[in-house]
Amino acid sequence: MQENLRLGEEVRSVKKQMDRERQQLEAEIQRLESNADEFHAQLERTAEEHRSAVQDYCQKIDALDKQLKSDKQFIEVRHVVYTFHHSLECIRRVYRGIINFRP
């Protein structure tokens, strides 16, 4: 009889311990799930920030590319104008030489 009482008490003690451990594990699981959800949300925010930054950089690259093309065209036009003026100056010199030529 004493043995049965002792074993019954031991079973109740083990059950209480198991209940406490189960509650602790459930609380730990909830904490970990909450942390995982928070981590996932942070990853999503970071990914969106990176996508936005990449899009901004692409737009800046496009704008710089357009500016570069415009600058190249401007340089080409300046070169043509310079060549034209140089040729015109040469023609003027030749013309002056012809006008001022006295045999």
Protein backbone atom coordinates (compact mmCIF):
# COMPACT_ATOMS: atom_id res chain seq x y z
CA MET A 1 0.00 0.00 0.00
CA GLN A 2 2.77 2.43 0.90
CA GLU A 3 4.51 1.51 -2.32
CA ASN A 4 1.36 2.23 -4.30
CA LEU A 5 0.98 5.62 -2.64
CA ARG A 6 4.63 6.45 -3.31
CA LEU A 7 4.34 5.34 -6.95
CA GLY A 8 1.10 7.31 -7.35
CA GLU A 9 2.79 10.39 -5.93
CA GLU A 10 5.77 9.87 -8.23
CA VAL A 11 3.43 9.53 -11.25
CA ARG A 12 1.64 12.76 -10.28
CA SER A 13 4.98 14.50 -9.81
CA VAL A 14 6.23 13.31 -13.20
CA LYS A 15 2.95 14.40 -14.83
CA LYS A 16 3.25 17.87 -13.25
CA GLN A 17 6.85 18.12 -14.43
CA MET A 18 5.83 17.01 -17.93
CA ASP A 19 3.00 19.59 -17.95
CA ARG A 20 5.43 22.35 -16.92
CA GLU A 21 7.94 21.27 -19.56
CA ARG A 22 5.20 21.06 -22.21
CA GLN A 23 4.03 24.57 -21.31
CA GLN A 24 7.61 25.84 -21.46
CA LEU A 25 8.13 24.15 -24.84
CA GLU A 26 4.85 25.55 -26.18
CA ALA A 27 5.87 29.04 -25.01
CA GLU A 28 9.29 28.56 -26.63
CA ILE A 29 7.63 27.41 -29.87
CA GLN A 30 5.38 30.48 -29.87
CA ARG A 31 8.38 32.73 -29.23
CA LEU A 32 10.33 31.09 -32.05
CA GLU A 33 7.36 31.32 -34.43
CA SER A 34 6.97 35.00 -33.55
CA ASN A 35 10.69 35.57 -34.15
CA ALA A 36 10.47 33.71 -37.46
CA ASP A 37 7.50 35.85 -38.54
CA GLU A 38 9.34 39.02 -37.53
CA PHE A 39 12.49 37.86 -39.35
CA HIS A 40 10.47 37.02 -42.48
CA ALA A 41 8.80 40.45 -42.41
CA GLN A 42 12.21 42.11 -42.04
CA LEU A 43 13.54 40.10 -44.99
CA GLU A 44 10.56 41.22 -47.09
CA ARG A 45 11.14 44.87 -46.15
CA THR A 46 14.84 44.58 -46.95
CA ALA A 47 14.14 42.86 -50.27
CA GLU A 48 11.66 45.62 -51.20
CA GLU A 49 14.20 48.30 -50.25
CA HIS A 50 16.80 46.60 -52.46
CA ARG A 51 14.35 46.28 -55.35
CA SER A 52 13.53 49.97 -55.02
CA ALA A 53 17.22 50.92 -54.89
CA VAL A 54 17.97 48.82 -57.97
CA GLN A 55 15.10 50.47 -59.82
CA ASP A 56 16.41 53.92 -58.83
CA TYR A 57 19.91 53.01 -60.02
CA CYS A 58 18.52 51.74 -63.33
CA GLN A 59 16.69 55.02 -63.84
CA LYS A 60 19.86 56.97 -63.02
CA ILE A 61 21.86 54.83 -65.46
CA ASP A 62 19.26 55.46 -68.18
CA ALA A 63 19.38 59.20 -67.52
CA LEU A 64 23.18 59.22 -67.59
CA ASP A 65 23.16 57.19 -70.80
CA LYS A 66 20.84 59.73 -72.43
CA GLN A 67 23.04 62.58 -71.20
CA LEU A 68 26.13 60.83 -72.58
CA LYS A 69 24.49 60.40 -75.99
CA SER A 70 23.48 64.06 -75.96
CA ASP A 71 27.01 65.12 -75.00
CA LYS A 72 28.48 62.96 -77.78
CA GLN A 73 26.15 64.55 -80.33
CA PHE A 74 27.09 68.01 -79.06
CA ILE A 75 30.80 67.20 -79.39
CA GLU A 76 30.26 65.85 -82.91
CA VAL A 77 28.37 69.00 -83.92
CA ARG A 78 31.10 71.19 -82.41
CA HIS A 79 33.69 69.23 -84.38
CA VAL A 80 31.73 69.72 -87.61
CA VAL A 81 31.33 73.43 -86.86
CA TYR A 82 35.04 73.75 -86.03
CA THR A 83 35.97 71.93 -89.25
CA PHE A 84 33.61 74.17 -91.20
CA HIS A 85 35.08 77.34 -89.67
CA HIS A 86 38.61 76.09 -90.25
CA SER A 87 37.78 75.32 -93.89
CA LEU A 88 36.10 78.70 -94.24
CA GLU A 89 39.16 80.43 -92.83
CA CYS A 90 41.36 78.55 -95.31
CA ILE A 91 39.08 79.62 -98.16
CA ARG A 92 39.22 83.23 -96.93
CA ARG A 93 43.01 83.13 -96.89
CA VAL A 94 43.09 81.73 -100.41
CA TYR A 95 40.53 84.31 -101.54
CA ARG A 96 42.56 87.14 -99.98
CA GLY A 97 45.61 85.72 -101.65
CA ILE A 98 43.84 85.73 -105.01
CA ILE A 99 42.53 89.27 -104.52
CA ASN A 100 45.85 90.56 -103.33
CA PHE A 101 47.75 88.73 -106.04
CA ARG A 102 49.56 91.09 -108.38
CA PRO A 103 51.65 89.54 -111.09
